Amino acid sequence: MVSCGRLLVDTFVSAKELVRETNYDLTYLAQKQLKTTRKEFDDEKLSDFYLTSDRMLMLVGHTEMDTFLTFKLMLHLNILPLTKQLTNIAGNLWFRSL
């Protein structure tokens, strides 16, 4: 496998390894770890968001918030520093620790 220099962090997998919770959904982790409420919507109504431009912008905003919460969770759990230390100790490549 050829590495292109980008690290991919799976916060779902990392959260399972770093914290003990009963649920690892983004909504639950945002509430418990970040003390932030995440707005949910029904996946079956996803096609409704494509009906008007206003609804499309709502979907974009929701997706942007999910991205922000995922990034904030990664920072909160110190995933990058911890995996870098594990990589240095084990002597393997960083992307394999992630």
C-alpha atoms as a PDB file:
ATOM      1  CA  MET A   1       0.000   0.000   0.000  1.00  0.00           C
ATOM      2  CA  VAL A   2       1.314   3.398  -0.963  1.00  0.00           C
ATOM      3  CA  SER A   3       0.853   6.239   1.492  1.00  0.00           C
ATOM      4  CA  CYS A   4      -0.002   9.646   0.060  1.00  0.00           C
ATOM      5  CA  GLY A   5       0.879  11.497   3.262  1.00  0.00           C
ATOM      6  CA  ARG A   6      -2.630  11.932   4.651  1.00  0.00           C
ATOM      7  CA  LEU A   7      -3.710  10.569   7.996  1.00  0.00           C
ATOM      8  CA  LEU A   8      -7.245   9.254   8.276  1.00  0.00           C
ATOM      9  CA  VAL A   9      -8.684   9.302  11.788  1.00  0.00           C
ATOM     10  CA  ASP A  10     -11.743   7.162  12.450  1.00  0.00           C
ATOM     11  CA  THR A  11     -13.149   8.803  15.581  1.00  0.00           C
ATOM     12  CA  PHE A  12     -15.735   6.032  15.948  1.00  0.00           C
ATOM     13  CA  VAL A  13     -13.053   3.329  16.267  1.00  0.00           C
ATOM     14  CA  SER A  14     -10.762   5.558  18.345  1.00  0.00           C
ATOM     15  CA  ALA A  15     -13.569   6.470  20.758  1.00  0.00           C
ATOM     16  CA  LYS A  16     -14.277   2.764  21.303  1.00  0.00           C
ATOM     17  CA  GLU A  17     -10.640   2.275  22.304  1.00  0.00           C
ATOM     18  CA  LEU A  18     -10.294   5.398  24.455  1.00  0.00           C
ATOM     19  CA  VAL A  19     -13.559   5.825  26.380  1.00  0.00           C
ATOM     20  CA  ARG A  20     -16.043   3.494  28.016  1.00  0.00           C
ATOM     21  CA  GLU A  21     -19.544   4.388  26.907  1.00  0.00           C
ATOM     22  CA  THR A  22     -22.727   2.451  26.278  1.00  0.00           C
ATOM     23  CA  ASN A  23     -23.172   3.993  22.837  1.00  0.00           C
ATOM     24  CA  TYR A  24     -20.676   5.372  20.327  1.00  0.00           C
ATOM     25  CA  ASP A  25     -23.024   7.269  18.003  1.00  0.00           C
ATOM     26  CA  LEU A  26     -22.030  10.849  17.300  1.00  0.00           C
ATOM     27  CA  THR A  27     -25.156  12.180  19.026  1.00  0.00           C
ATOM     28  CA  TYR A  28     -24.392  10.282  22.223  1.00  0.00           C
ATOM     29  CA  LEU A  29     -20.664  11.084  22.260  1.00  0.00           C
ATOM     30  CA  ALA A  30     -21.330  14.769  21.570  1.00  0.00           C
ATOM     31  CA  GLN A  31     -23.687  14.856  24.546  1.00  0.00           C
ATOM     32  CA  LYS A  32     -21.494  12.892  26.970  1.00  0.00           C
ATOM     33  CA  GLN A  33     -17.997  13.963  25.974  1.00  0.00           C
ATOM     34  CA  LEU A  34     -18.517  17.456  24.546  1.00  0.00           C
ATOM     35  CA  LYS A  35     -21.663  18.520  26.455  1.00  0.00           C
ATOM     36  CA  THR A  36     -23.168  19.541  23.107  1.00  0.00           C
ATOM     37  CA  THR A  37     -26.551  18.699  21.666  1.00  0.00           C
ATOM     38  CA  ARG A  38     -26.614  17.309  18.134  1.00  0.00           C
ATOM     39  CA  LYS A  39     -29.767  17.738  16.102  1.00  0.00           C
ATOM     40  CA  GLU A  40     -30.907  14.529  14.428  1.00  0.00           C
ATOM     41  CA  PHE A  41     -33.138  14.025  11.430  1.00  0.00           C
ATOM     42  CA  ASP A  42     -34.932  11.016  10.021  1.00  0.00           C
ATOM     43  CA  ASP A  43     -32.798   9.271   7.371  1.00  0.00           C
ATOM     44  CA  GLU A  44     -35.931   8.194   5.521  1.00  0.00           C
ATOM     45  CA  LYS A  45     -36.759  11.853   4.873  1.00  0.00           C
ATOM     46  CA  LEU A  46     -33.352  12.549   3.329  1.00  0.00           C
ATOM     47  CA  SER A  47     -34.814  12.843  -0.164  1.00  0.00           C
ATOM     48  CA  ASP A  48     -37.042  15.699   1.104  1.00  0.00           C
ATOM     49  CA  PHE A  49     -33.940  17.853   1.579  1.00  0.00           C
ATOM     50  CA  TYR A  50     -33.407  17.908  -2.183  1.00  0.00           C
ATOM     51  CA  LEU A  51     -36.806  19.480  -2.931  1.00  0.00           C
ATOM     52  CA  THR A  52     -35.867  23.130  -2.362  1.00  0.00           C
ATOM     53  CA  SER A  53     -32.668  25.099  -2.077  1.00  0.00           C
ATOM     54  CA  ASP A  54     -33.540  26.139   1.498  1.00  0.00           C
ATOM     55  CA  ARG A  55     -33.829  22.505   2.550  1.00  0.00           C
ATOM     56  CA  MET A  56     -30.612  21.691   0.715  1.00  0.00           C
ATOM     57  CA  LEU A  57     -28.849  24.399   2.724  1.00  0.00           C
ATOM     58  CA  MET A  58     -30.291  22.862   5.918  1.00  0.00           C
ATOM     59  CA  LEU A  59     -28.735  19.518   4.924  1.00  0.00           C
ATOM     60  CA  VAL A  60     -25.404  21.206   4.200  1.00  0.00           C
ATOM     61  CA  GLY A  61     -25.522  22.911   7.611  1.00  0.00           C
ATOM     62  CA  HIS A  62     -26.313  19.628   9.343  1.00  0.00           C
ATOM     63  CA  THR A  63     -23.449  17.863   7.555  1.00  0.00           C
ATOM     64  CA  GLU A  64     -21.089  20.725   8.403  1.00  0.00           C
ATOM     65  CA  MET A  65     -22.072  20.500  12.092  1.00  0.00           C
ATOM     66  CA  ASP A  66     -21.446  16.738  12.085  1.00  0.00           C
ATOM     67  CA  THR A  67     -17.995  17.363  10.642  1.00  0.00           C
ATOM     68  CA  PHE A  68     -17.269  19.998  13.285  1.00  0.00           C
ATOM     69  CA  LEU A  69     -18.448  17.692  16.114  1.00  0.00           C
ATOM     70  CA  THR A  70     -16.313  14.828  14.803  1.00  0.00           C
ATOM     71  CA  PHE A  71     -13.266  17.095  14.664  1.00  0.00           C
ATOM     72  CA  LYS A  72     -13.979  18.508  18.138  1.00  0.00           C
ATOM     73  CA  LEU A  73     -14.339  14.974  19.507  1.00  0.00           C
ATOM     74  CA  MET A  74     -10.992  14.012  17.975  1.00  0.00           C
ATOM     75  CA  LEU A  75      -9.357  16.987  19.706  1.00  0.00           C
ATOM     76  CA  HIS A  76     -11.146  16.298  22.996  1.00  0.00           C
ATOM     77  CA  LEU A  77      -9.951  12.680  23.076  1.00  0.00           C
ATOM     78  CA  ASN A  78      -6.375  13.675  22.098  1.00  0.00           C
ATOM     79  CA  ILE A  79      -6.397  11.021  19.391  1.00  0.00           C
ATOM     80  CA  LEU A  80      -3.469  12.373  17.373  1.00  0.00           C
ATOM     81  CA  PRO A  81      -1.001  12.834  20.269  1.00  0.00           C
ATOM     82  CA  LEU A  82      -1.900   9.459  21.772  1.00  0.00           C
ATOM     83  CA  THR A  83      -1.580   7.541  18.519  1.00  0.00           C
ATOM     84  CA  LYS A  84       1.699   9.328  17.736  1.00  0.00           C
ATOM     85  CA  GLN A  85       3.107   8.209  21.101  1.00  0.00           C
ATOM     86  CA  LEU A  86       1.939   4.629  20.483  1.00  0.00           C
ATOM     87  CA  THR A  87       3.546   4.737  17.047  1.00  0.00           C
ATOM     88  CA  ASN A  88       6.867   5.910  18.496  1.00  0.00           C
ATOM     89  CA  ILE A  89       6.808   3.215  21.171  1.00  0.00           C
ATOM     90  CA  ALA A  90       5.839   0.405  18.807  1.00  0.00           C
ATOM     91  CA  GLY A  91       8.055   1.614  15.973  1.00  0.00           C
ATOM     92  CA  ASN A  92       5.452   1.239  13.252  1.00  0.00           C
ATOM     93  CA  LEU A  93       3.889   3.669  10.796  1.00  0.00           C
ATOM     94  CA  TRP A  94       1.480   6.285  12.172  1.00  0.00           C
ATOM     95  CA  PHE A  95      -1.345   5.510   9.758  1.00  0.00           C
ATOM     96  CA  ARG A  96      -1.379   1.921  11.074  1.00  0.00           C
ATOM     97  CA  SER A  97      -1.916   3.196  14.637  1.00  0.00           C
ATOM     98  CA  LEU A  98      -4.919   5.166  13.491  1.00  0.00           C
END
